[in-house]
C-alpha cells in the first residue's frame, strides 16, 4: 500500500494512492517576482475531493507518484 502526504485545505493529509481516481491542475500566476503555484484538486474513488496548493517541485513529485501507479497497473 502506497501512501502520499501533502498539505490540503483540510490540513496535512495522507492519502492511499490506489484510492485516487483522478486529479485536475490549475496554474495560478503569482506575479513577476514569485513562482507560480498549482491548485490541484485530487478526486478520490469515494467521491471526496481534496484541494492542494503546490509548488512546481511538489507538483512534479505528485505526478511522478501518480504515473508510477498507472504504470504498475498497466503491468499487472
PDB file of N, CA and C in Angstrom:
ATOM      1  N   UNK A   1       0.847  -1.168   0.000  1.00  0.00           N
ATOM      2  CA  UNK A   1       0.000   0.000   0.000  1.00  0.00           C
ATOM      3  C   UNK A   1       0.895   1.235   0.000  1.00  0.00           C
ATOM      4  N   UNK A   2       0.692   2.085  -1.006  1.00  0.00           N
ATOM      5  CA  UNK A   2       1.460   3.329  -1.099  1.00  0.00           C
ATOM      6  C   UNK A   2       0.639   4.475  -0.558  1.00  0.00           C
ATOM      7  N   UNK A   3       1.287   5.299   0.251  1.00  0.00           N
ATOM      8  CA  UNK A   3       0.653   6.473   0.820  1.00  0.00           C
ATOM      9  C   UNK A   3       1.397   7.714   0.359  1.00  0.00           C
ATOM     10  N   UNK A   4       0.672   8.818   0.267  1.00  0.00           N
ATOM     11  CA  UNK A   4       1.291  10.093  -0.063  1.00  0.00           C
ATOM     12  C   UNK A   4       0.727  11.129   0.908  1.00  0.00           C
ATOM     13  N   UNK A   5       1.606  11.945   1.461  1.00  0.00           N
ATOM     14  CA  UNK A   5       1.189  13.018   2.369  1.00  0.00           C
ATOM     15  C   UNK A   5       1.416  14.355   1.694  1.00  0.00           C
ATOM     16  N   UNK A   6       0.420  15.240   1.818  1.00  0.00           N
ATOM     17  CA  UNK A   6       0.545  16.578   1.268  1.00  0.00           C
ATOM     18  C   UNK A   6      -0.353  17.530   2.034  1.00  0.00           C
ATOM     19  N   UNK A   7      -0.082  18.807   1.875  1.00  0.00           N
ATOM     20  CA  UNK A   7      -0.877  19.825   2.553  1.00  0.00           C
ATOM     21  C   UNK A   7      -2.095  20.138   1.685  1.00  0.00           C
ATOM     22  N   UNK A   8      -3.278  20.017   2.283  1.00  0.00           N
ATOM     23  CA  UNK A   8      -4.524  20.347   1.592  1.00  0.00           C
ATOM     24  C   UNK A   8      -5.234  21.438   2.385  1.00  0.00           C
ATOM     25  N   UNK A   9      -6.376  21.863   1.887  1.00  0.00           N
ATOM     26  CA  UNK A   9      -7.165  22.865   2.612  1.00  0.00           C
ATOM     27  C   UNK A   9      -7.636  22.344   3.961  1.00  0.00           C
ATOM     28  N   UNK A  10      -7.643  21.010   4.137  1.00  0.00           N
ATOM     29  CA  UNK A  10      -8.066  20.399   5.402  1.00  0.00           C
ATOM     30  C   UNK A  10      -6.924  20.294   6.403  1.00  0.00           C
ATOM     31  N   UNK A  11      -5.686  20.472   5.962  1.00  0.00           N
ATOM     32  CA  UNK A  11      -4.500  20.296   6.805  1.00  0.00           C
ATOM     33  C   UNK A  11      -3.544  19.338   6.127  1.00  0.00           C
ATOM     34  N   UNK A  12      -2.654  18.728   6.897  1.00  0.00           N
ATOM     35  CA  UNK A  12      -1.746  17.725   6.327  1.00  0.00           C
ATOM     36  C   UNK A  12      -2.565  16.443   6.136  1.00  0.00           C
ATOM     37  N   UNK A  13      -2.624  15.973   4.896  1.00  0.00           N
ATOM     38  CA  UNK A  13      -3.480  14.849   4.542  1.00  0.00           C
ATOM     39  C   UNK A  13      -2.633  13.715   3.998  1.00  0.00           C
ATOM     40  N   UNK A  14      -2.891  12.507   4.463  1.00  0.00           N
ATOM     41  CA  UNK A  14      -2.235  11.313   3.941  1.00  0.00           C
ATOM     42  C   UNK A  14      -3.279  10.512   3.172  1.00  0.00           C
ATOM     43  N   UNK A  15      -2.981  10.248   1.914  1.00  0.00           N
ATOM     44  CA  UNK A  15      -3.915   9.546   1.041  1.00  0.00           C
ATOM     45  C   UNK A  15      -3.329   8.223   0.583  1.00  0.00           C
ATOM     46  N   UNK A  16      -4.186   7.239   0.438  1.00  0.00           N
ATOM     47  CA  UNK A  16      -3.803   5.959  -0.161  1.00  0.00           C
ATOM     48  C   UNK A  16      -3.816   6.172  -1.676  1.00  0.00           C
ATOM     49  N   UNK A  17      -2.669   6.005  -2.310  1.00  0.00           N
ATOM     50  CA  UNK A  17      -2.511   6.311  -3.726  1.00  0.00           C
ATOM     51  C   UNK A  17      -3.512   5.527  -4.575  1.00  0.00           C
ATOM     52  N   UNK A  18      -3.780   4.273  -4.232  1.00  0.00           N
ATOM     53  CA  UNK A  18      -4.710   3.464  -5.028  1.00  0.00           C
ATOM     54  C   UNK A  18      -6.148   3.957  -4.956  1.00  0.00           C
ATOM     55  N   UNK A  19      -6.463   4.819  -3.981  1.00  0.00           N
ATOM     56  CA  UNK A  19      -7.815   5.352  -3.839  1.00  0.00           C
ATOM     57  C   UNK A  19      -8.023   6.665  -4.585  1.00  0.00           C
ATOM     58  N   UNK A  20      -6.984   7.161  -5.257  1.00  0.00           N
ATOM     59  CA  UNK A  20      -7.097   8.391  -6.041  1.00  0.00           C
ATOM     60  C   UNK A  20      -7.585   8.019  -7.435  1.00  0.00           C
ATOM     61  N   UNK A  21      -8.713   8.607  -7.837  1.00  0.00           N
ATOM     62  CA  UNK A  21      -9.261   8.271  -9.153  1.00  0.00           C
ATOM     63  C   UNK A  21      -8.834   9.260 -10.227  1.00  0.00           C
ATOM     64  N   UNK A  22      -8.451  10.471  -9.838  1.00  0.00           N
ATOM     65  CA  UNK A  22      -8.011  11.452 -10.814  1.00  0.00           C
ATOM     66  C   UNK A  22      -7.619  12.747 -10.132  1.00  0.00           C
ATOM     67  N   UNK A  23      -7.066  13.661 -10.915  1.00  0.00           N
ATOM     68  CA  UNK A  23      -6.698  14.977 -10.372  1.00  0.00           C
ATOM     69  C   UNK A  23      -6.734  16.021 -11.477  1.00  0.00           C
ATOM     70  N   UNK A  24      -7.013  17.249 -11.087  1.00  0.00           N
ATOM     71  CA  UNK A  24      -7.061  18.387 -12.004  1.00  0.00           C
ATOM     72  C   UNK A  24      -6.078  19.440 -11.501  1.00  0.00           C
ATOM     73  N   UNK A  25      -5.376  20.067 -12.429  1.00  0.00           N
ATOM     74  CA  UNK A  25      -4.358  21.056 -12.077  1.00  0.00           C
ATOM     75  C   UNK A  25      -4.721  22.389 -12.704  1.00  0.00           C
ATOM     76  N   UNK A  26      -4.627  23.460 -11.922  1.00  0.00           N
ATOM     77  CA  UNK A  26      -4.846  24.812 -12.405  1.00  0.00           C
ATOM     78  C   UNK A  26      -3.669  25.670 -11.966  1.00  0.00           C
ATOM     79  N   UNK A  27      -2.926  26.197 -12.927  1.00  0.00           N
ATOM     80  CA  UNK A  27      -1.777  27.051 -12.609  1.00  0.00           C
ATOM     81  C   UNK A  27      -2.261  28.443 -12.222  1.00  0.00           C
ATOM     82  N   UNK A  28      -1.737  28.951 -11.117  1.00  0.00           N
ATOM     83  CA  UNK A  28      -2.085  30.298 -10.665  1.00  0.00           C
ATOM     84  C   UNK A  28      -0.848  31.189 -10.730  1.00  0.00           C
ATOM     85  N   UNK A  29      -0.932  32.229 -11.537  1.00  0.00           N
ATOM     86  CA  UNK A  29       0.177  33.181 -11.657  1.00  0.00           C
ATOM     87  C   UNK A  29       0.301  33.976 -10.368  1.00  0.00           C
ATOM     88  N   UNK A  30       1.533  34.170  -9.912  1.00  0.00           N
ATOM     89  CA  UNK A  30       1.797  34.887  -8.668  1.00  0.00           C
ATOM     90  C   UNK A  30       2.477  36.228  -8.916  1.00  0.00           C
ATOM     91  N   UNK A  31       2.574  36.623 -10.155  1.00  0.00           N
ATOM     92  CA  UNK A  31       3.237  37.886 -10.476  1.00  0.00           C
ATOM     93  C   UNK A  31       4.632  37.636 -11.007  1.00  0.00           C
ATOM     94  N   UNK A  32       5.340  38.710 -11.274  1.00  0.00           N
ATOM     95  CA  UNK A  32       6.651  38.583 -11.905  1.00  0.00           C
ATOM     96  C   UNK A  32       7.737  38.128 -10.941  1.00  0.00           C
ATOM     97  N   UNK A  33       7.604  38.406  -9.659  1.00  0.00           N
ATOM     98  CA  UNK A  33       8.683  38.125  -8.720  1.00  0.00           C
ATOM     99  C   UNK A  33       8.528  36.806  -7.967  1.00  0.00           C
ATOM    100  N   UNK A  34       7.366  36.197  -8.039  1.00  0.00           N
ATOM    101  CA  UNK A  34       7.134  34.952  -7.317  1.00  0.00           C
ATOM    102  C   UNK A  34       6.839  33.838  -8.319  1.00  0.00           C
ATOM    103  N   UNK A  35       7.205  32.632  -7.936  1.00  0.00           N
ATOM    104  CA  UNK A  35       6.927  31.482  -8.791  1.00  0.00           C
ATOM    105  C   UNK A  35       5.439  31.153  -8.742  1.00  0.00           C
ATOM    106  N   UNK A  36       4.929  30.661  -9.852  1.00  0.00           N
ATOM    107  CA  UNK A  36       3.524  30.266  -9.920  1.00  0.00           C
ATOM    108  C   UNK A  36       3.256  29.097  -8.981  1.00  0.00           C
ATOM    109  N   UNK A  37       2.028  28.994  -8.531  1.00  0.00           N
ATOM    110  CA  UNK A  37       1.610  27.846  -7.732  1.00  0.00           C
ATOM    111  C   UNK A  37       0.572  27.066  -8.534  1.00  0.00           C
ATOM    112  N   UNK A  38       0.318  25.857  -8.092  1.00  0.00           N
ATOM    113  CA  UNK A  38      -0.587  24.963  -8.803  1.00  0.00           C
ATOM    114  C   UNK A  38      -1.656  24.474  -7.836  1.00  0.00           C
ATOM    115  N   UNK A  39      -2.913  24.834  -8.126  1.00  0.00           N
ATOM    116  CA  UNK A  39      -4.032  24.355  -7.333  1.00  0.00           C
ATOM    117  C   UNK A  39      -4.416  22.999  -7.925  1.00  0.00           C
ATOM    118  N   UNK A  40      -4.351  21.980  -7.094  1.00  0.00           N
ATOM    119  CA  UNK A  40      -4.604  20.620  -7.558  1.00  0.00           C
ATOM    120  C   UNK A  40      -5.790  20.045  -6.797  1.00  0.00           C
ATOM    121  N   UNK A  41      -6.836  19.688  -7.537  1.00  0.00           N
ATOM    122  CA  UNK A  41      -7.991  19.006  -6.958  1.00  0.00           C
ATOM    123  C   UNK A  41      -7.770  17.509  -7.123  1.00  0.00           C
ATOM    124  N   UNK A  42      -7.734  16.804  -6.010  1.00  0.00           N
ATOM    125  CA  UNK A  42      -7.466  15.362  -6.010  1.00  0.00           C
ATOM    126  C   UNK A  42      -8.785  14.648  -5.736  1.00  0.00           C
ATOM    127  N   UNK A  43      -9.235  13.881  -6.705  1.00  0.00           N
ATOM    128  CA  UNK A  43     -10.515  13.182  -6.630  1.00  0.00           C
ATOM    129  C   UNK A  43     -10.284  11.754  -6.141  1.00  0.00           C
ATOM    130  N   UNK A  44     -11.015  11.386  -5.106  1.00  0.00           N
ATOM    131  CA  UNK A  44     -10.912  10.042  -4.534  1.00  0.00           C
ATOM    132  C   UNK A  44     -12.034   9.161  -5.092  1.00  0.00           C
ATOM    133  N   UNK A  45     -11.839   7.841  -5.072  1.00  0.00           N
ATOM    134  CA  UNK A  45     -12.883   6.947  -5.567  1.00  0.00           C
ATOM    135  C   UNK A  45     -14.140   7.026  -4.706  1.00  0.00           C
ATOM    136  N   UNK A  46     -14.013   7.504  -3.483  1.00  0.00           N
ATOM    137  CA  UNK A  46     -15.164   7.659  -2.583  1.00  0.00           C
ATOM    138  C   UNK A  46     -16.022   8.869  -2.953  1.00  0.00           C
ATOM    139  N   UNK A  47     -15.498   9.746  -3.823  1.00  0.00           N
ATOM    140  CA  UNK A  47     -16.205  10.967  -4.188  1.00  0.00           C
ATOM    141  C   UNK A  47     -15.671  12.196  -3.489  1.00  0.00           C
ATOM    142  N   UNK A  48     -14.824  12.018  -2.481  1.00  0.00           N
ATOM    143  CA  UNK A  48     -14.220  13.142  -1.771  1.00  0.00           C
ATOM    144  C   UNK A  48     -13.221  13.844  -2.686  1.00  0.00           C
ATOM    145  N   UNK A  49     -13.165  15.160  -2.594  1.00  0.00           N
ATOM    146  CA  UNK A  49     -12.194  15.943  -3.359  1.00  0.00           C
ATOM    147  C   UNK A  49     -11.357  16.755  -2.376  1.00  0.00           C
ATOM    148  N   UNK A  50     -10.040  16.597  -2.452  1.00  0.00           N
ATOM    149  CA  UNK A  50      -9.104  17.379  -1.651  1.00  0.00           C
ATOM    150  C   UNK A  50      -8.457  18.406  -2.572  1.00  0.00           C
ATOM    151  N   UNK A  51      -8.237  19.608  -2.049  1.00  0.00           N
ATOM    152  CA  UNK A  51      -7.576  20.661  -2.814  1.00  0.00           C
ATOM    153  C   UNK A  51      -6.243  20.981  -2.163  1.00  0.00           C
ATOM    154  N   UNK A  52      -5.189  20.987  -2.987  1.00  0.00           N
ATOM    155  CA  UNK A  52      -3.843  21.267  -2.504  1.00  0.00           C
ATOM    156  C   UNK A  52      -3.232  22.386  -3.338  1.00  0.00           C
ATOM    157  N   UNK A  53      -2.502  23.285  -2.693  1.00  0.00           N
ATOM    158  CA  UNK A  53      -1.745  24.330  -3.383  1.00  0.00           C
ATOM    159  C   UNK A  53      -0.292  23.872  -3.393  1.00  0.00           C
ATOM    160  N   UNK A  54       0.255  23.633  -4.578  1.00  0.00           N
ATOM    161  CA  UNK A  54       1.592  23.035  -4.701  1.00  0.00           C
ATOM    162  C   UNK A  54       2.541  23.956  -5.442  1.00  0.00           C
ATOM    163  N   UNK A  55       3.819  23.836  -5.091  1.00  0.00           N
ATOM    164  CA  UNK A  55       4.875  24.463  -5.888  1.00  0.00           C
ATOM    165  C   UNK A  55       5.090  23.575  -7.116  1.00  0.00           C
ATOM    166  N   UNK A  56       5.869  24.054  -8.048  1.00  0.00           N
ATOM    167  CA  UNK A  56       6.153  23.254  -9.243  1.00  0.00           C
ATOM    168  C   UNK A  56       6.867  21.959  -8.874  1.00  0.00           C
ATOM    169  N   UNK A  57       7.800  22.019  -7.932  1.00  0.00           N
ATOM    170  CA  UNK A  57       8.537  20.824  -7.500  1.00  0.00           C
ATOM    171  C   UNK A  57       7.591  19.816  -6.835  1.00  0.00           C
ATOM    172  N   UNK A  58       6.689  20.306  -5.988  1.00  0.00           N
ATOM    173  CA  UNK A  58       5.730  19.413  -5.331  1.00  0.00           C
ATOM    174  C   UNK A  58       4.798  18.768  -6.357  1.00  0.00           C
ATOM    175  N   UNK A  59       4.385  19.553  -7.344  1.00  0.00           N
ATOM    176  CA  UNK A  59       3.521  19.017  -8.389  1.00  0.00           C
ATOM    177  C   UNK A  59       4.224  17.914  -9.163  1.00  0.00           C
ATOM    178  N   UNK A  60       5.483  18.124  -9.509  1.00  0.00           N
ATOM    179  CA  UNK A  60       6.231  17.092 -10.248  1.00  0.00           C
ATOM    180  C   UNK A  60       6.369  15.822  -9.411  1.00  0.00           C
ATOM    181  N   UNK A  61       6.635  15.961  -8.128  1.00  0.00           N
ATOM    182  CA  UNK A  61       6.744  14.790  -7.249  1.00  0.00           C
ATOM    183  C   UNK A  61       5.411  14.050  -7.177  1.00  0.00           C
ATOM    184  N   UNK A  62       4.309  14.786  -7.046  1.00  0.00           N
ATOM    185  CA  UNK A  62       2.976  14.182  -7.009  1.00  0.00           C
ATOM    186  C   UNK A  62       2.685  13.449  -8.319  1.00  0.00           C
ATOM    187  N   UNK A  63       2.968  14.093  -9.447  1.00  0.00           N
ATOM    188  CA  UNK A  63       2.713  13.454 -10.741  1.00  0.00           C
ATOM    189  C   UNK A  63       3.586  12.217 -10.931  1.00  0.00           C
ATOM    190  N   UNK A  64       4.816  12.244 -10.440  1.00  0.00           N
ATOM    191  CA  UNK A  64       5.669  11.060 -10.527  1.00  0.00           C
ATOM    192  C   UNK A  64       5.023   9.881  -9.805  1.00  0.00           C
ATOM    193  N   UNK A  65       4.483  10.119  -8.618  1.00  0.00           N
ATOM    194  CA  UNK A  65       3.814   9.061  -7.862  1.00  0.00           C
ATOM    195  C   UNK A  65       2.606   8.539  -8.634  1.00  0.00           C
ATOM    196  N   UNK A  66       1.825   9.448  -9.198  1.00  0.00           N
ATOM    197  CA  UNK A  66       0.625   9.039  -9.925  1.00  0.00           C
ATOM    198  C   UNK A  66       0.967   8.270 -11.197  1.00  0.00           C
ATOM    199  N   UNK A  67       2.016   8.681 -11.884  1.00  0.00           N
ATOM    200  CA  UNK A  67       2.401   7.981 -13.117  1.00  0.00           C
ATOM    201  C   UNK A  67       3.003   6.615 -12.802  1.00  0.00           C
ATOM    202  N   UNK A  68       3.721   6.500 -11.689  1.00  0.00           N
ATOM    203  CA  UNK A  68       4.234   5.190 -11.260  1.00  0.00           C
ATOM    204  C   UNK A  68       3.072   4.241 -10.985  1.00  0.00           C
ATOM    205  N   UNK A  69       2.018   4.752 -10.359  1.00  0.00           N
ATOM    206  CA  UNK A  69       0.833   3.941 -10.057  1.00  0.00           C
ATOM    207  C   UNK A  69       0.187   3.447 -11.343  1.00  0.00           C
ATOM    208  N   UNK A  70       0.043   4.357 -12.316  1.00  0.00           N
ATOM    209  CA  UNK A  70      -0.581   3.976 -13.585  1.00  0.00           C
ATOM    210  C   UNK A  70       0.249   2.924 -14.297  1.00  0.00           C
ATOM    211  N   UNK A  71       1.570   3.101 -14.291  1.00  0.00           N
ATOM    212  CA  UNK A  71       2.440   2.135 -14.958  1.00  0.00           C
ATOM    213  C   UNK A  71       2.357   0.774 -14.256  1.00  0.00           C
ATOM    214  N   UNK A  72       2.300   0.752 -12.932  1.00  0.00           N
ATOM    215  CA  UNK A  72       2.200  -0.500 -12.191  1.00  0.00           C
ATOM    216  C   UNK A  72       0.897  -1.209 -12.517  1.00  0.00           C
ATOM    217  N   UNK A  73      -0.202  -0.446 -12.669  1.00  0.00           N
ATOM    218  CA  UNK A  73      -1.489  -1.069 -13.010  1.00  0.00           C
ATOM    219  C   UNK A  73      -1.463  -1.626 -14.420  1.00  0.00           C
ATOM    220  N   UNK A  74      -0.782  -0.953 -15.333  1.00  0.00           N
ATOM    221  CA  UNK A  74      -0.681  -1.429 -16.716  1.00  0.00           C
ATOM    222  C   UNK A  74       0.131  -2.705 -16.794  1.00  0.00           C
ATOM    223  N   UNK A  75       1.117  -2.861 -15.895  1.00  0.00           N
ATOM    224  CA  UNK A  75       1.985  -4.038 -15.905  1.00  0.00           C
ATOM    225  C   UNK A  75       1.323  -5.265 -15.277  1.00  0.00           C
ATOM    226  N   UNK A  76       0.197  -5.077 -14.586  1.00  0.00           N
ATOM    227  CA  UNK A  76      -0.470  -6.216 -13.915  1.00  0.00           C
ATOM    228  C   UNK A  76      -1.062  -7.174 -14.904  1.00  0.00           C
TER     229      UNK A  76
END
